[in-house]
Amino acid sequence: MPKAKVTKNAPVSTTPANRTPVKINSSGTPLWYKIIMFGLMLAGLLWLVVQYIFGPEIAWMAKLNAWNYLIGFGLFIMGLLMTTGWR
């Protein structure tokens, strides 16, 4: 297999690229953010479990019908979306 020809007039960059990583958030995630994040996930899970087990016995929860699923999964998904901001 023939070797590739190298051009002698190849452009040479005079300034090297700066490849130093930049820290955006060096302090980490605040404690209140983690508490809210895990609290939302836990609240959504508990809402669904309580609705499944005791839903017909709780009057105001029985009136919500299918909205219970939206509330439970909505709380849980909000907590999951918050994990994208966790450092």
PDB file of N, CA and C in Angstrom:
ATOM      1  N   MET A   1       0.856  -1.165   0.000  1.00  0.00           N
ATOM      2  CA  MET A   1       0.000   0.000   0.000  1.00  0.00           C
ATOM      3  C   MET A   1       0.904   1.231   0.000  1.00  0.00           C
ATOM      4  N   PRO A   2       0.638   2.181  -0.875  1.00  0.00           N
ATOM      5  CA  PRO A   2       1.481   3.376  -0.939  1.00  0.00           C
ATOM      6  C   PRO A   2       1.236   4.285   0.260  1.00  0.00           C
ATOM      7  N   LYS A   3       2.292   4.980   0.642  1.00  0.00           N
ATOM      8  CA  LYS A   3       2.206   5.905   1.762  1.00  0.00           C
ATOM      9  C   LYS A   3       1.577   7.218   1.297  1.00  0.00           C
ATOM     10  N   ALA A   4       0.868   7.876   2.205  1.00  0.00           N
ATOM     11  CA  ALA A   4       0.253   9.158   1.890  1.00  0.00           C
ATOM     12  C   ALA A   4       1.335  10.220   1.809  1.00  0.00           C
ATOM     13  N   LYS A   5       1.136  11.143   0.881  1.00  0.00           N
ATOM     14  CA  LYS A   5       2.100  12.236   0.733  1.00  0.00           C
ATOM     15  C   LYS A   5       1.790  13.322   1.751  1.00  0.00           C
ATOM     16  N   VAL A   6       2.800  13.813   2.398  1.00  0.00           N
ATOM     17  CA  VAL A   6       2.651  14.866   3.386  1.00  0.00           C
ATOM     18  C   VAL A   6       3.022  16.176   2.729  1.00  0.00           C
ATOM     19  N   THR A   7       2.159  17.150   2.810  1.00  0.00           N
ATOM     20  CA  THR A   7       2.469  18.456   2.223  1.00  0.00           C
ATOM     21  C   THR A   7       3.404  19.213   3.138  1.00  0.00           C
ATOM     22  N   LYS A   8       4.341  19.881   2.564  1.00  0.00           N
ATOM     23  CA  LYS A   8       5.315  20.626   3.351  1.00  0.00           C
ATOM     24  C   LYS A   8       4.775  21.975   3.791  1.00  0.00           C
ATOM     25  N   ASN A   9       3.748  22.462   3.137  1.00  0.00           N
ATOM     26  CA  ASN A   9       3.185  23.770   3.461  1.00  0.00           C
ATOM     27  C   ASN A   9       1.915  23.640   4.307  1.00  0.00           C
ATOM     28  N   ALA A  10       1.887  22.699   5.219  1.00  0.00           N
ATOM     29  CA  ALA A  10       0.718  22.498   6.069  1.00  0.00           C
ATOM     30  C   ALA A  10       0.580  23.677   7.026  1.00  0.00           C
ATOM     31  N   PRO A  11      -0.638  24.157   7.239  1.00  0.00           N
ATOM     32  CA  PRO A  11      -0.826  25.293   8.151  1.00  0.00           C
ATOM     33  C   PRO A  11      -0.471  24.902   9.585  1.00  0.00           C
ATOM     34  N   VAL A  12       0.265  25.758  10.234  1.00  0.00           N
ATOM     35  CA  VAL A  12       0.690  25.541  11.606  1.00  0.00           C
ATOM     36  C   VAL A  12       0.022  26.597  12.470  1.00  0.00           C
ATOM     37  N   SER A  13      -0.689  26.142  13.510  1.00  0.00           N
ATOM     38  CA  SER A  13      -1.332  27.113  14.388  1.00  0.00           C
ATOM     39  C   SER A  13      -0.278  27.682  15.333  1.00  0.00           C
ATOM     40  N   THR A  14      -0.291  28.988  15.469  1.00  0.00           N
ATOM     41  CA  THR A  14       0.709  29.641  16.310  1.00  0.00           C
ATOM     42  C   THR A  14       0.274  29.687  17.768  1.00  0.00           C
ATOM     43  N   THR A  15      -1.036  29.643  18.035  1.00  0.00           N
ATOM     44  CA  THR A  15      -1.518  29.676  19.417  1.00  0.00           C
ATOM     45  C   THR A  15      -2.106  28.308  19.768  1.00  0.00           C
ATOM     46  N   PRO A  16      -1.634  27.697  20.825  1.00  0.00           N
ATOM     47  CA  PRO A  16      -2.194  26.397  21.213  1.00  0.00           C
ATOM     48  C   PRO A  16      -3.604  26.570  21.782  1.00  0.00           C
ATOM     49  N   ALA A  17      -4.416  25.558  21.591  1.00  0.00           N
ATOM     50  CA  ALA A  17      -5.799  25.600  22.098  1.00  0.00           C
ATOM     51  C   ALA A  17      -5.791  25.470  23.618  1.00  0.00           C
ATOM     52  N   ASN A  18      -6.642  26.250  24.268  1.00  0.00           N
ATOM     53  CA  ASN A  18      -6.764  26.205  25.719  1.00  0.00           C
ATOM     54  C   ASN A  18      -7.699  25.058  26.080  1.00  0.00           C
ATOM     55  N   ARG A  19      -7.172  24.002  26.641  1.00  0.00           N
ATOM     56  CA  ARG A  19      -7.963  22.826  26.980  1.00  0.00           C
ATOM     57  C   ARG A  19      -8.070  22.626  28.486  1.00  0.00           C
ATOM     58  N   THR A  20      -7.980  23.705  29.220  1.00  0.00           N
ATOM     59  CA  THR A  20      -8.110  23.626  30.666  1.00  0.00           C
ATOM     60  C   THR A  20      -9.587  23.562  31.026  1.00  0.00           C
ATOM     61  N   PRO A  21     -10.021  22.552  31.794  1.00  0.00           N
ATOM     62  CA  PRO A  21     -11.432  22.473  32.164  1.00  0.00           C
ATOM     63  C   PRO A  21     -11.828  23.630  33.076  1.00  0.00           C
ATOM     64  N   VAL A  22     -13.038  24.095  32.878  1.00  0.00           N
ATOM     65  CA  VAL A  22     -13.558  25.212  33.662  1.00  0.00           C
ATOM     66  C   VAL A  22     -14.594  24.671  34.628  1.00  0.00           C
ATOM     67  N   LYS A  23     -14.456  24.981  35.900  1.00  0.00           N
ATOM     68  CA  LYS A  23     -15.428  24.561  36.902  1.00  0.00           C
ATOM     69  C   LYS A  23     -16.583  25.552  36.918  1.00  0.00           C
ATOM     70  N   ILE A  24     -17.776  25.046  36.686  1.00  0.00           N
ATOM     71  CA  ILE A  24     -18.953  25.909  36.673  1.00  0.00           C
ATOM     72  C   ILE A  24     -19.517  26.054  38.081  1.00  0.00           C
ATOM     73  N   ASN A  25     -19.711  24.930  38.744  1.00  0.00           N
ATOM     74  CA  ASN A  25     -20.283  24.951  40.087  1.00  0.00           C
ATOM     75  C   ASN A  25     -19.363  24.125  40.984  1.00  0.00           C
ATOM     76  N   SER A  26     -18.422  24.779  41.595  1.00  0.00           N
ATOM     77  CA  SER A  26     -17.438  24.052  42.389  1.00  0.00           C
ATOM     78  C   SER A  26     -17.942  23.729  43.798  1.00  0.00           C
ATOM     79  N   SER A  27     -18.993  24.369  44.239  1.00  0.00           N
ATOM     80  CA  SER A  27     -19.466  24.154  45.601  1.00  0.00           C
ATOM     81  C   SER A  27     -20.410  22.962  45.723  1.00  0.00           C
ATOM     82  N   GLY A  28     -20.911  22.424  44.628  1.00  0.00           N
ATOM     83  CA  GLY A  28     -21.840  21.295  44.680  1.00  0.00           C
ATOM     84  C   GLY A  28     -23.273  21.762  44.837  1.00  0.00           C
ATOM     85  N   THR A  29     -24.148  20.807  44.953  1.00  0.00           N
ATOM     86  CA  THR A  29     -25.573  21.095  45.082  1.00  0.00           C
ATOM     87  C   THR A  29     -25.901  21.436  46.529  1.00  0.00           C
ATOM     88  N   PRO A  30     -26.675  22.501  46.745  1.00  0.00           N
ATOM     89  CA  PRO A  30     -27.049  22.841  48.124  1.00  0.00           C
ATOM     90  C   PRO A  30     -27.942  21.765  48.748  1.00  0.00           C
ATOM     91  N   LEU A  31     -27.927  21.713  50.046  1.00  0.00           N
ATOM     92  CA  LEU A  31     -28.686  20.703  50.776  1.00  0.00           C
ATOM     93  C   LEU A  31     -30.188  20.838  50.544  1.00  0.00           C
ATOM     94  N   TRP A  32     -30.692  22.068  50.464  1.00  0.00           N
ATOM     95  CA  TRP A  32     -32.132  22.256  50.280  1.00  0.00           C
ATOM     96  C   TRP A  32     -32.593  21.686  48.938  1.00  0.00           C
ATOM     97  N   TYR A  33     -31.739  21.742  47.923  1.00  0.00           N
ATOM     98  CA  TYR A  33     -32.089  21.213  46.599  1.00  0.00           C
ATOM     99  C   TYR A  33     -32.263  19.698  46.669  1.00  0.00           C
ATOM    100  N   LYS A  34     -31.343  19.032  47.370  1.00  0.00           N
ATOM    101  CA  LYS A  34     -31.426  17.582  47.500  1.00  0.00           C
ATOM    102  C   LYS A  34     -32.648  17.172  48.299  1.00  0.00           C
ATOM    103  N   ILE A  35     -32.959  17.929  49.350  1.00  0.00           N
ATOM    104  CA  ILE A  35     -34.126  17.607  50.180  1.00  0.00           C
ATOM    105  C   ILE A  35     -35.412  17.728  49.371  1.00  0.00           C
ATOM    106  N   ILE A  36     -35.522  18.798  48.593  1.00  0.00           N
ATOM    107  CA  ILE A  36     -36.724  18.977  47.769  1.00  0.00           C
ATOM    108  C   ILE A  36     -36.807  17.900  46.695  1.00  0.00           C
ATOM    109  N   MET A  37     -35.671  17.589  46.072  1.00  0.00           N
ATOM    110  CA  MET A  37     -35.641  16.592  44.997  1.00  0.00           C
ATOM    111  C   MET A  37     -36.100  15.218  45.509  1.00  0.00           C
ATOM    112  N   PHE A  38     -35.470  14.749  46.583  1.00  0.00           N
ATOM    113  CA  PHE A  38     -35.860  13.445  47.126  1.00  0.00           C
ATOM    114  C   PHE A  38     -37.246  13.493  47.759  1.00  0.00           C
ATOM    115  N   GLY A  39     -37.626  14.635  48.315  1.00  0.00           N
ATOM    116  CA  GLY A  39     -38.958  14.785  48.894  1.00  0.00           C
ATOM    117  C   GLY A  39     -40.049  14.665  47.847  1.00  0.00           C
ATOM    118  N   LEU A  40     -39.840  15.261  46.677  1.00  0.00           N
ATOM    119  CA  LEU A  40     -40.831  15.157  45.604  1.00  0.00           C
ATOM    120  C   LEU A  40     -40.961  13.722  45.101  1.00  0.00           C
ATOM    121  N   MET A  41     -39.831  13.051  44.952  1.00  0.00           N
ATOM    122  CA  MET A  41     -39.896  11.663  44.492  1.00  0.00           C
ATOM    123  C   MET A  41     -40.597  10.778  45.517  1.00  0.00           C
ATOM    124  N   LEU A  42     -40.284  10.981  46.780  1.00  0.00           N
ATOM    125  CA  LEU A  42     -40.906  10.190  47.835  1.00  0.00           C
ATOM    126  C   LEU A  42     -42.395  10.523  47.972  1.00  0.00           C
ATOM    127  N   ALA A  43     -42.739  11.804  47.848  1.00  0.00           N
ATOM    128  CA  ALA A  43     -44.148  12.204  47.946  1.00  0.00           C
ATOM    129  C   ALA A  43     -44.971  11.598  46.807  1.00  0.00           C
ATOM    130  N   GLY A  44     -44.411  11.592  45.605  1.00  0.00           N
ATOM    131  CA  GLY A  44     -45.116  10.985  44.475  1.00  0.00           C
ATOM    132  C   GLY A  44     -45.318   9.497  44.662  1.00  0.00           C
ATOM    133  N   LEU A  45     -44.277   8.827  45.148  1.00  0.00           N
ATOM    134  CA  LEU A  45     -44.380   7.388  45.383  1.00  0.00           C
ATOM    135  C   LEU A  45     -45.402   7.092  46.476  1.00  0.00           C
ATOM    136  N   LEU A  46     -45.347   7.855  47.570  1.00  0.00           N
ATOM    137  CA  LEU A  46     -46.308   7.644  48.661  1.00  0.00           C
ATOM    138  C   LEU A  46     -47.739   7.936  48.218  1.00  0.00           C
ATOM    139  N   TRP A  47     -47.913   8.969  47.382  1.00  0.00           N
ATOM    140  CA  TRP A  47     -49.257   9.298  46.893  1.00  0.00           C
ATOM    141  C   TRP A  47     -49.837   8.113  46.125  1.00  0.00           C
ATOM    142  N   LEU A  48     -49.024   7.514  45.269  1.00  0.00           N
ATOM    143  CA  LEU A  48     -49.514   6.383  44.471  1.00  0.00           C
ATOM    144  C   LEU A  48     -49.788   5.155  45.347  1.00  0.00           C
ATOM    145  N   VAL A  49     -48.929   4.900  46.313  1.00  0.00           N
ATOM    146  CA  VAL A  49     -49.124   3.735  47.188  1.00  0.00           C
ATOM    147  C   VAL A  49     -50.363   3.917  48.050  1.00  0.00           C
ATOM    148  N   VAL A  50     -50.524   5.090  48.641  1.00  0.00           N
ATOM    149  CA  VAL A  50     -51.698   5.343  49.480  1.00  0.00           C
ATOM    150  C   VAL A  50     -52.968   5.295  48.646  1.00  0.00           C
ATOM    151  N   GLN A  51     -52.928   5.835  47.448  1.00  0.00           N
ATOM    152  CA  GLN A  51     -54.098   5.805  46.576  1.00  0.00           C
ATOM    153  C   GLN A  51     -54.448   4.372  46.201  1.00  0.00           C
ATOM    154  N   TYR A  52     -53.442   3.559  45.965  1.00  0.00           N
ATOM    155  CA  TYR A  52     -53.696   2.168  45.584  1.00  0.00           C
ATOM    156  C   TYR A  52     -54.268   1.362  46.738  1.00  0.00           C
ATOM    157  N   ILE A  53     -53.739   1.568  47.944  1.00  0.00           N
ATOM    158  CA  ILE A  53     -54.161   0.752  49.089  1.00  0.00           C
ATOM    159  C   ILE A  53     -55.417   1.306  49.754  1.00  0.00           C
ATOM    160  N   PHE A  54     -55.418   2.625  50.032  1.00  0.00           N
ATOM    161  CA  PHE A  54     -56.514   3.217  50.805  1.00  0.00           C
ATOM    162  C   PHE A  54     -57.388   4.172  50.001  1.00  0.00           C
ATOM    163  N   GLY A  55     -57.221   4.245  48.700  1.00  0.00           N
ATOM    164  CA  GLY A  55     -57.941   5.206  47.868  1.00  0.00           C
ATOM    165  C   GLY A  55     -59.449   5.182  48.005  1.00  0.00           C
ATOM    166  N   PRO A  56     -60.090   4.027  47.918  1.00  0.00           N
ATOM    167  CA  PRO A  56     -61.564   4.003  48.035  1.00  0.00           C
ATOM    168  C   PRO A  56     -62.065   4.385  49.430  1.00  0.00           C
ATOM    169  N   GLU A  57     -61.234   4.223  50.456  1.00  0.00           N
ATOM    170  CA  GLU A  57     -61.668   4.522  51.818  1.00  0.00           C
ATOM    171  C   GLU A  57     -61.539   5.996  52.170  1.00  0.00           C
ATOM    172  N   ILE A  58     -60.682   6.728  51.456  1.00  0.00           N
ATOM    173  CA  ILE A  58     -60.491   8.159  51.704  1.00  0.00           C
ATOM    174  C   ILE A  58     -61.410   8.909  50.750  1.00  0.00           C
ATOM    175  N   ALA A  59     -62.348   9.672  51.320  1.00  0.00           N
ATOM    176  CA  ALA A  59     -63.404  10.286  50.506  1.00  0.00           C
ATOM    177  C   ALA A  59     -62.850  11.254  49.464  1.00  0.00           C
ATOM    178  N   TRP A  60     -62.011  12.189  49.879  1.00  0.00           N
ATOM    179  CA  TRP A  60     -61.526  13.195  48.928  1.00  0.00           C
ATOM    180  C   TRP A  60     -60.586  12.580  47.888  1.00  0.00           C
ATOM    181  N   MET A  61     -59.904  11.489  48.237  1.00  0.00           N
ATOM    182  CA  MET A  61     -59.027  10.844  47.272  1.00  0.00           C
ATOM    183  C   MET A  61     -59.851  10.024  46.283  1.00  0.00           C
ATOM    184  N   ALA A  62     -60.952   9.475  46.725  1.00  0.00           N
ATOM    185  CA  ALA A  62     -61.827   8.713  45.833  1.00  0.00           C
ATOM    186  C   ALA A  62     -62.485   9.630  44.811  1.00  0.00           C
ATOM    187  N   LYS A  63     -62.746  10.890  45.186  1.00  0.00           N
ATOM    188  CA  LYS A  63     -63.354  11.842  44.255  1.00  0.00           C
ATOM    189  C   LYS A  63     -62.395  12.261  43.145  1.00  0.00           C
ATOM    190  N   LEU A  64     -61.101  12.147  43.386  1.00  0.00           N
ATOM    191  CA  LEU A  64     -60.116  12.547  42.381  1.00  0.00           C
ATOM    192  C   LEU A  64     -60.006  11.555  41.227  1.00  0.00           C
ATOM    193  N   ASN A  65     -60.427  10.322  41.456  1.00  0.00           N
ATOM    194  CA  ASN A  65     -60.397   9.268  40.437  1.00  0.00           C
ATOM    195  C   ASN A  65     -59.024   9.154  39.776  1.00  0.00           C
ATOM    196  N   ALA A  66     -58.975   9.330  38.456  1.00  0.00           N
ATOM    197  CA  ALA A  66     -57.734   9.154  37.696  1.00  0.00           C
ATOM    198  C   ALA A  66     -56.736  10.291  37.911  1.00  0.00           C
ATOM    199  N   TRP A  67     -57.179  11.392  38.481  1.00  0.00           N
ATOM    200  CA  TRP A  67     -56.254  12.504  38.750  1.00  0.00           C
ATOM    201  C   TRP A  67     -55.197  12.101  39.776  1.00  0.00           C
ATOM    202  N   ASN A  68     -55.485  11.075  40.558  1.00  0.00           N
ATOM    203  CA  ASN A  68     -54.494  10.594  41.518  1.00  0.00           C
ATOM    204  C   ASN A  68     -53.214  10.145  40.822  1.00  0.00           C
ATOM    205  N   TYR A  69     -53.359   9.514  39.668  1.00  0.00           N
ATOM    206  CA  TYR A  69     -52.179   9.071  38.919  1.00  0.00           C
ATOM    207  C   TYR A  69     -51.383  10.259  38.396  1.00  0.00           C
ATOM    208  N   LEU A  70     -52.079  11.264  37.920  1.00  0.00           N
ATOM    209  CA  LEU A  70     -51.396  12.462  37.424  1.00  0.00           C
ATOM    210  C   LEU A  70     -50.648  13.166  38.556  1.00  0.00           C
ATOM    211  N   ILE A  71     -51.266  13.255  39.707  1.00  0.00           N
ATOM    212  CA  ILE A  71     -50.616  13.901  40.854  1.00  0.00           C
ATOM    213  C   ILE A  71     -49.399  13.096  41.306  1.00  0.00           C
ATOM    214  N   GLY A  72     -49.549  11.792  41.468  1.00  0.00           N
ATOM    215  CA  GLY A  72     -48.456  10.951  41.941  1.00  0.00           C
ATOM    216  C   GLY A  72     -47.286  10.915  40.964  1.00  0.00           C
ATOM    217  N   PHE A  73     -47.587  10.635  39.701  1.00  0.00           N
ATOM    218  CA  PHE A  73     -46.512  10.593  38.709  1.00  0.00           C
ATOM    219  C   PHE A  73     -45.937  11.978  38.443  1.00  0.00           C
ATOM    220  N   GLY A  74     -46.772  13.006  38.543  1.00  0.00           N
ATOM    221  CA  GLY A  74     -46.275  14.371  38.349  1.00  0.00           C
ATOM    222  C   GLY A  74     -45.257  14.757  39.407  1.00  0.00           C
ATOM    223  N   LEU A  75     -45.548  14.454  40.667  1.00  0.00           N
ATOM    224  CA  LEU A  75     -44.594  14.739  41.744  1.00  0.00           C
ATOM    225  C   LEU A  75     -43.301  13.956  41.543  1.00  0.00           C
ATOM    226  N   PHE A  76     -43.442  12.684  41.193  1.00  0.00           N
ATOM    227  CA  PHE A  76     -42.266  11.845  41.011  1.00  0.00           C
ATOM    228  C   PHE A  76     -41.412  12.329  39.834  1.00  0.00           C
ATOM    229  N   ILE A  77     -42.032  12.697  38.739  1.00  0.00           N
ATOM    230  CA  ILE A  77     -41.288  13.161  37.558  1.00  0.00           C
ATOM    231  C   ILE A  77     -40.631  14.506  37.829  1.00  0.00           C
ATOM    232  N   MET A  78     -41.282  15.376  38.597  1.00  0.00           N
ATOM    233  CA  MET A  78     -40.637  16.643  38.954  1.00  0.00           C
ATOM    234  C   MET A  78     -39.369  16.392  39.753  1.00  0.00           C
ATOM    235  N   GLY A  79     -39.399  15.416  40.657  1.00  0.00           N
ATOM    236  CA  GLY A  79     -38.196  15.052  41.404  1.00  0.00           C
ATOM    237  C   GLY A  79     -37.126  14.475  40.496  1.00  0.00           C
ATOM    238  N   LEU A  80     -37.534  13.648  39.545  1.00  0.00           N
ATOM    239  CA  LEU A  80     -36.566  13.089  38.606  1.00  0.00           C
ATOM    240  C   LEU A  80     -35.956  14.161  37.715  1.00  0.00           C
ATOM    241  N   LEU A  81     -36.744  15.122  37.296  1.00  0.00           N
ATOM    242  CA  LEU A  81     -36.197  16.207  36.477  1.00  0.00           C
ATOM    243  C   LEU A  81     -35.212  17.065  37.249  1.00  0.00           C
ATOM    244  N   MET A  82     -35.411  17.150  38.544  1.00  0.00           N
ATOM    245  CA  MET A  82     -34.480  17.906  39.363  1.00  0.00           C
ATOM    246  C   MET A  82     -33.108  17.237  39.453  1.00  0.00           C
ATOM    247  N   THR A  83     -33.046  15.919  39.211  1.00  0.00           N
ATOM    248  CA  THR A  83     -31.763  15.232  39.271  1.00  0.00           C
ATOM    249  C   THR A  83     -30.801  15.716  38.184  1.00  0.00           C
ATOM    250  N   THR A  84     -31.318  16.337  37.137  1.00  0.00           N
ATOM    251  CA  THR A  84     -30.426  16.855  36.088  1.00  0.00           C
ATOM    252  C   THR A  84     -29.607  18.032  36.595  1.00  0.00           C
ATOM    253  N   GLY A  85     -30.051  18.703  37.628  1.00  0.00           N
ATOM    254  CA  GLY A  85     -29.309  19.821  38.186  1.00  0.00           C
ATOM    255  C   GLY A  85     -28.433  19.449  39.364  1.00  0.00           C
ATOM    256  N   TRP A  86     -28.402  18.150  39.703  1.00  0.00           N
ATOM    257  CA  TRP A  86     -27.622  17.695  40.847  1.00  0.00           C
ATOM    258  C   TRP A  86     -26.164  17.582  40.454  1.00  0.00           C
ATOM    259  N   ARG A  87     -25.293  18.236  41.189  1.00  0.00           N
ATOM    260  CA  ARG A  87     -23.841  18.178  40.919  1.00  0.00           C
ATOM    261  C   ARG A  87     -23.139  17.447  42.018  1.00  0.00           C
TER     262      ARG A  87
END
